[in-house]
Every structure is written in structure tokens, then in C-alpha cells.
Amino acid sequence: VLCALASPCATGELARRIGVSIGT
């Protein structure tokens, strides 16, 4: 999560970036 946020994004995009559910 920390590394994926090198460029900010919405939580849904963050979930896609790291391959987890939005809730996770």
C-alpha cells in the first residue's frame, strides 16, 4: 500500500494496484 501510493489514487484504484479487495 505504501509503495503503491507513490502516486495518490482512490481506494478502489489502490485495491487494483495491489491486488486486494477494496475493504482490505
PDB file of all heavy atoms in Angstrom:
ATOM      1  N   VAL A   1       0.849  -1.201   0.000  1.00  0.00           N
ATOM      2  CA  VAL A   1       0.000   0.000   0.000  1.00  0.00           C
ATOM      3  C   VAL A   1       0.875   1.239   0.000  1.00  0.00           C
ATOM      4  O   VAL A   1       0.679   2.166  -0.788  1.00  0.00           O
ATOM      5  CB  VAL A   1      -0.956   0.016   1.215  1.00  0.00           C
ATOM      6  CG1 VAL A   1      -1.594   1.389   1.395  1.00  0.00           C
ATOM      7  CG2 VAL A   1      -2.035  -1.056   1.074  1.00  0.00           C
ATOM      8  N   LEU A   2       1.863   1.264   0.881  1.00  0.00           N
ATOM      9  CA  LEU A   2       2.753   2.417   0.981  1.00  0.00           C
ATOM     10  C   LEU A   2       3.444   2.694  -0.349  1.00  0.00           C
ATOM     11  O   LEU A   2       3.494   3.830  -0.816  1.00  0.00           O
ATOM     12  CB  LEU A   2       3.780   2.159   2.084  1.00  0.00           C
ATOM     13  CG  LEU A   2       4.440   3.365   2.721  1.00  0.00           C
ATOM     14  CD1 LEU A   2       3.421   4.250   3.406  1.00  0.00           C
ATOM     15  CD2 LEU A   2       5.477   2.909   3.720  1.00  0.00           C
ATOM     16  N   CYS A   3       3.941   1.657  -0.981  1.00  0.00           N
ATOM     17  CA  CYS A   3       4.644   1.833  -2.261  1.00  0.00           C
ATOM     18  C   CYS A   3       3.684   2.184  -3.395  1.00  0.00           C
ATOM     19  O   CYS A   3       4.027   2.976  -4.265  1.00  0.00           O
ATOM     20  CB  CYS A   3       5.424   0.576  -2.597  1.00  0.00           C
ATOM     21  SG  CYS A   3       6.819   0.350  -1.485  1.00  0.00           S
ATOM     22  N   ALA A   4       2.496   1.609  -3.375  1.00  0.00           N
ATOM     23  CA  ALA A   4       1.525   1.886  -4.439  1.00  0.00           C
ATOM     24  C   ALA A   4       1.050   3.334  -4.396  1.00  0.00           C
ATOM     25  O   ALA A   4       0.573   3.861  -5.397  1.00  0.00           O
ATOM     26  CB  ALA A   4       0.336   0.941  -4.327  1.00  0.00           C
ATOM     27  N   LEU A   5       1.196   3.986  -3.241  1.00  0.00           N
ATOM     28  CA  LEU A   5       0.750   5.368  -3.117  1.00  0.00           C
ATOM     29  C   LEU A   5       1.824   6.377  -3.508  1.00  0.00           C
ATOM     30  O   LEU A   5       1.711   7.566  -3.209  1.00  0.00           O
ATOM     31  CB  LEU A   5       0.247   5.640  -1.695  1.00  0.00           C
ATOM     32  CG  LEU A   5      -1.084   4.972  -1.376  1.00  0.00           C
ATOM     33  CD1 LEU A   5      -1.437   5.159   0.092  1.00  0.00           C
ATOM     34  CD2 LEU A   5      -2.184   5.490  -2.281  1.00  0.00           C
ATOM     35  N   ALA A   6       2.859   5.929  -4.209  1.00  0.00           N
ATOM     36  CA  ALA A   6       3.853   6.863  -4.742  1.00  0.00           C
ATOM     37  C   ALA A   6       3.128   7.915  -5.580  1.00  0.00           C
ATOM     38  O   ALA A   6       3.538   9.067  -5.636  1.00  0.00           O
ATOM     39  CB  ALA A   6       4.894   6.128  -5.575  1.00  0.00           C
ATOM     40  N   SER A   7       2.045   7.521  -6.231  1.00  0.00           N
ATOM     41  CA  SER A   7       1.143   8.481  -6.862  1.00  0.00           C
ATOM     42  C   SER A   7      -0.233   8.246  -6.237  1.00  0.00           C
ATOM     43  O   SER A   7      -0.751   7.133  -6.283  1.00  0.00           O
ATOM     44  CB  SER A   7       1.104   8.305  -8.377  1.00  0.00           C
ATOM     45  OG  SER A   7       0.699   7.010  -8.719  1.00  0.00           O
ATOM     46  N   PRO A   8      -0.798   9.274  -5.580  1.00  0.00           N
ATOM     47  CA  PRO A   8      -2.076   9.113  -4.886  1.00  0.00           C
ATOM     48  C   PRO A   8      -3.174   8.630  -5.822  1.00  0.00           C
ATOM     49  O   PRO A   8      -3.157   8.911  -7.017  1.00  0.00           O
ATOM     50  CB  PRO A   8      -2.395  10.530  -4.378  1.00  0.00           C
ATOM     51  CG  PRO A   8      -1.088  11.232  -4.357  1.00  0.00           C
ATOM     52  CD  PRO A   8      -0.278  10.639  -5.472  1.00  0.00           C
ATOM     53  N   CYS A   9      -4.100   7.878  -5.258  1.00  0.00           N
ATOM     54  CA  CYS A   9      -5.226   7.358  -6.034  1.00  0.00           C
ATOM     55  C   CYS A   9      -6.373   7.046  -5.095  1.00  0.00           C
ATOM     56  O   CYS A   9      -6.183   6.939  -3.885  1.00  0.00           O
ATOM     57  CB  CYS A   9      -4.813   6.111  -6.802  1.00  0.00           C
ATOM     58  SG  CYS A   9      -4.301   4.752  -5.727  1.00  0.00           S
ATOM     59  N   ALA A  10      -7.563   6.879  -5.640  1.00  0.00           N
ATOM     60  CA  ALA A  10      -8.730   6.495  -4.851  1.00  0.00           C
ATOM     61  C   ALA A  10      -8.533   5.076  -4.313  1.00  0.00           C
ATOM     62  O   ALA A  10      -7.749   4.290  -4.852  1.00  0.00           O
ATOM     63  CB  ALA A  10      -9.988   6.574  -5.698  1.00  0.00           C
ATOM     64  N   THR A  11      -9.246   4.755  -3.257  1.00  0.00           N
ATOM     65  CA  THR A  11      -9.099   3.454  -2.604  1.00  0.00           C
ATOM     66  C   THR A  11      -9.379   2.297  -3.557  1.00  0.00           C
ATOM     67  O   THR A  11      -8.696   1.275  -3.514  1.00  0.00           O
ATOM     68  CB  THR A  11     -10.017   3.365  -1.365  1.00  0.00           C
ATOM     69  OG1 THR A  11      -9.751   4.493  -0.523  1.00  0.00           O
ATOM     70  CG2 THR A  11      -9.779   2.098  -0.583  1.00  0.00           C
ATOM     71  N   GLY A  12     -10.345   2.463  -4.454  1.00  0.00           N
ATOM     72  CA  GLY A  12     -10.635   1.396  -5.426  1.00  0.00           C
ATOM     73  C   GLY A  12      -9.457   1.136  -6.344  1.00  0.00           C
ATOM     74  O   GLY A  12      -9.109  -0.010  -6.629  1.00  0.00           O
ATOM     75  N   GLU A  13      -8.817   2.202  -6.811  1.00  0.00           N
ATOM     76  CA  GLU A  13      -7.626   2.055  -7.660  1.00  0.00           C
ATOM     77  C   GLU A  13      -6.482   1.453  -6.851  1.00  0.00           C
ATOM     78  O   GLU A  13      -5.729   0.619  -7.352  1.00  0.00           O
ATOM     79  CB  GLU A  13      -7.221   3.400  -8.259  1.00  0.00           C
ATOM     80  CG  GLU A  13      -5.904   3.385  -9.007  1.00  0.00           C
ATOM     81  CD  GLU A  13      -5.870   2.440 -10.207  1.00  0.00           C
ATOM     82  OE1 GLU A  13      -6.938   2.074 -10.746  1.00  0.00           O
ATOM     83  OE2 GLU A  13      -4.756   2.060 -10.624  1.00  0.00           O
ATOM     84  N   LEU A  14      -6.335   1.874  -5.604  1.00  0.00           N
ATOM     85  CA  LEU A  14      -5.301   1.311  -4.730  1.00  0.00           C
ATOM     86  C   LEU A  14      -5.490  -0.202  -4.607  1.00  0.00           C
ATOM     87  O   LEU A  14      -4.529  -0.968  -4.722  1.00  0.00           O
ATOM     88  CB  LEU A  14      -5.351   1.970  -3.353  1.00  0.00           C
ATOM     89  CG  LEU A  14      -4.428   1.397  -2.283  1.00  0.00           C
ATOM     90  CD1 LEU A  14      -2.970   1.542  -2.691  1.00  0.00           C
ATOM     91  CD2 LEU A  14      -4.688   2.088  -0.942  1.00  0.00           C
ATOM     92  N   ALA A  15      -6.729  -0.627  -4.410  1.00  0.00           N
ATOM     93  CA  ALA A  15      -7.018  -2.062  -4.309  1.00  0.00           C
ATOM     94  C   ALA A  15      -6.593  -2.792  -5.581  1.00  0.00           C
ATOM     95  O   ALA A  15      -5.992  -3.865  -5.526  1.00  0.00           O
ATOM     96  CB  ALA A  15      -8.507  -2.279  -4.037  1.00  0.00           C
ATOM     97  N   ARG A  16      -6.894  -2.205  -6.743  1.00  0.00           N
ATOM     98  CA  ARG A  16      -6.485  -2.822  -8.017  1.00  0.00           C
ATOM     99  C   ARG A  16      -4.967  -2.867  -8.142  1.00  0.00           C
ATOM    100  O   ARG A  16      -4.410  -3.847  -8.613  1.00  0.00           O
ATOM    101  CB  ARG A  16      -7.094  -2.060  -9.189  1.00  0.00           C
ATOM    102  CG  ARG A  16      -8.549  -2.390  -9.430  1.00  0.00           C
ATOM    103  CD  ARG A  16      -9.075  -1.747 -10.700  1.00  0.00           C
ATOM    104  NE  ARG A  16      -9.199  -0.301 -10.594  1.00  0.00           N
ATOM    105  CZ  ARG A  16     -10.209   0.325  -9.985  1.00  0.00           C
ATOM    106  NH1 ARG A  16     -11.174  -0.373  -9.431  1.00  0.00           N
ATOM    107  NH2 ARG A  16     -10.251   1.643  -9.945  1.00  0.00           N
ATOM    108  N   ARG A  17      -4.298  -1.795  -7.737  1.00  0.00           N
ATOM    109  CA  ARG A  17      -2.842  -1.736  -7.853  1.00  0.00           C
ATOM    110  C   ARG A  17      -2.151  -2.848  -7.080  1.00  0.00           C
ATOM    111  O   ARG A  17      -1.131  -3.366  -7.524  1.00  0.00           O
ATOM    112  CB  ARG A  17      -2.312  -0.393  -7.344  1.00  0.00           C
ATOM    113  CG  ARG A  17      -2.576   0.765  -8.256  1.00  0.00           C
ATOM    114  CD  ARG A  17      -2.006   2.050  -7.689  1.00  0.00           C
ATOM    115  NE  ARG A  17      -2.306   3.182  -8.536  1.00  0.00           N
ATOM    116  CZ  ARG A  17      -1.901   4.415  -8.289  1.00  0.00           C
ATOM    117  NH1 ARG A  17      -1.165   4.684  -7.225  1.00  0.00           N
ATOM    118  NH2 ARG A  17      -2.229   5.392  -9.115  1.00  0.00           N
ATOM    119  N   ILE A  18      -2.692  -3.187  -5.911  1.00  0.00           N
ATOM    120  CA  ILE A  18      -2.004  -4.190  -5.082  1.00  0.00           C
ATOM    121  C   ILE A  18      -2.697  -5.546  -5.098  1.00  0.00           C
ATOM    122  O   ILE A  18      -2.225  -6.491  -4.470  1.00  0.00           O
ATOM    123  CB  ILE A  18      -1.802  -3.694  -3.632  1.00  0.00           C
ATOM    124  CG1 ILE A  18      -3.135  -3.471  -2.926  1.00  0.00           C
ATOM    125  CG2 ILE A  18      -0.940  -2.442  -3.620  1.00  0.00           C
ATOM    126  CD1 ILE A  18      -2.995  -3.168  -1.451  1.00  0.00           C
ATOM    127  N   GLY A  19      -3.813  -5.655  -5.817  1.00  0.00           N
ATOM    128  CA  GLY A  19      -4.474  -6.943  -5.995  1.00  0.00           C
ATOM    129  C   GLY A  19      -5.237  -7.441  -4.783  1.00  0.00           C
ATOM    130  O   GLY A  19      -5.217  -8.632  -4.477  1.00  0.00           O
ATOM    131  N   VAL A  20      -5.930  -6.526  -4.079  1.00  0.00           N
ATOM    132  CA  VAL A  20      -6.745  -6.921  -2.924  1.00  0.00           C
ATOM    133  C   VAL A  20      -8.135  -6.324  -3.079  1.00  0.00           C
ATOM    134  O   VAL A  20      -8.378  -5.513  -3.970  1.00  0.00           O
ATOM    135  CB  VAL A  20      -6.106  -6.463  -1.580  1.00  0.00           C
ATOM    136  CG1 VAL A  20      -4.744  -7.114  -1.367  1.00  0.00           C
ATOM    137  CG2 VAL A  20      -6.011  -4.951  -1.489  1.00  0.00           C
ATOM    138  N   SER A  21      -9.047  -6.679  -2.178  1.00  0.00           N
ATOM    139  CA  SER A  21     -10.390  -6.096  -2.209  1.00  0.00           C
ATOM    140  C   SER A  21     -10.334  -4.643  -1.729  1.00  0.00           C
ATOM    141  O   SER A  21      -9.379  -4.226  -1.057  1.00  0.00           O
ATOM    142  CB  SER A  21     -11.336  -6.892  -1.303  1.00  0.00           C
ATOM    143  OG  SER A  21     -10.997  -6.672   0.059  1.00  0.00           O
ATOM    144  N   ILE A  22     -11.374  -3.896  -2.062  1.00  0.00           N
ATOM    145  CA  ILE A  22     -11.441  -2.500  -1.623  1.00  0.00           C
ATOM    146  C   ILE A  22     -11.470  -2.428  -0.099  1.00  0.00           C
ATOM    147  O   ILE A  22     -10.813  -1.576   0.508  1.00  0.00           O
ATOM    148  CB  ILE A  22     -12.668  -1.792  -2.239  1.00  0.00           C
ATOM    149  CG1 ILE A  22     -12.488  -1.664  -3.750  1.00  0.00           C
ATOM    150  CG2 ILE A  22     -12.888  -0.419  -1.605  1.00  0.00           C
ATOM    151  CD1 ILE A  22     -13.704  -1.118  -4.478  1.00  0.00           C
ATOM    152  N   GLY A  23     -12.194  -3.336   0.543  1.00  0.00           N
ATOM    153  CA  GLY A  23     -12.257  -3.352   2.007  1.00  0.00           C
ATOM    154  C   GLY A  23     -10.891  -3.586   2.634  1.00  0.00           C
ATOM    155  O   GLY A  23     -10.532  -2.938   3.622  1.00  0.00           O
ATOM    156  N   THR A  24     -10.116  -4.505   2.053  1.00  0.00           N
ATOM    157  CA  THR A  24      -8.775  -4.783   2.562  1.00  0.00           C
ATOM    158  C   THR A  24      -7.872  -3.573   2.372  1.00  0.00           C
ATOM    159  O   THR A  24      -7.140  -3.174   3.288  1.00  0.00           O
ATOM    160  CB  THR A  24      -8.172  -6.020   1.858  1.00  0.00           C
ATOM    161  OG1 THR A  24      -8.998  -7.150   2.153  1.00  0.00           O
ATOM    162  CG2 THR A  24      -6.751  -6.293   2.310  1.00  0.00           C
TER     163      THR A  24
END
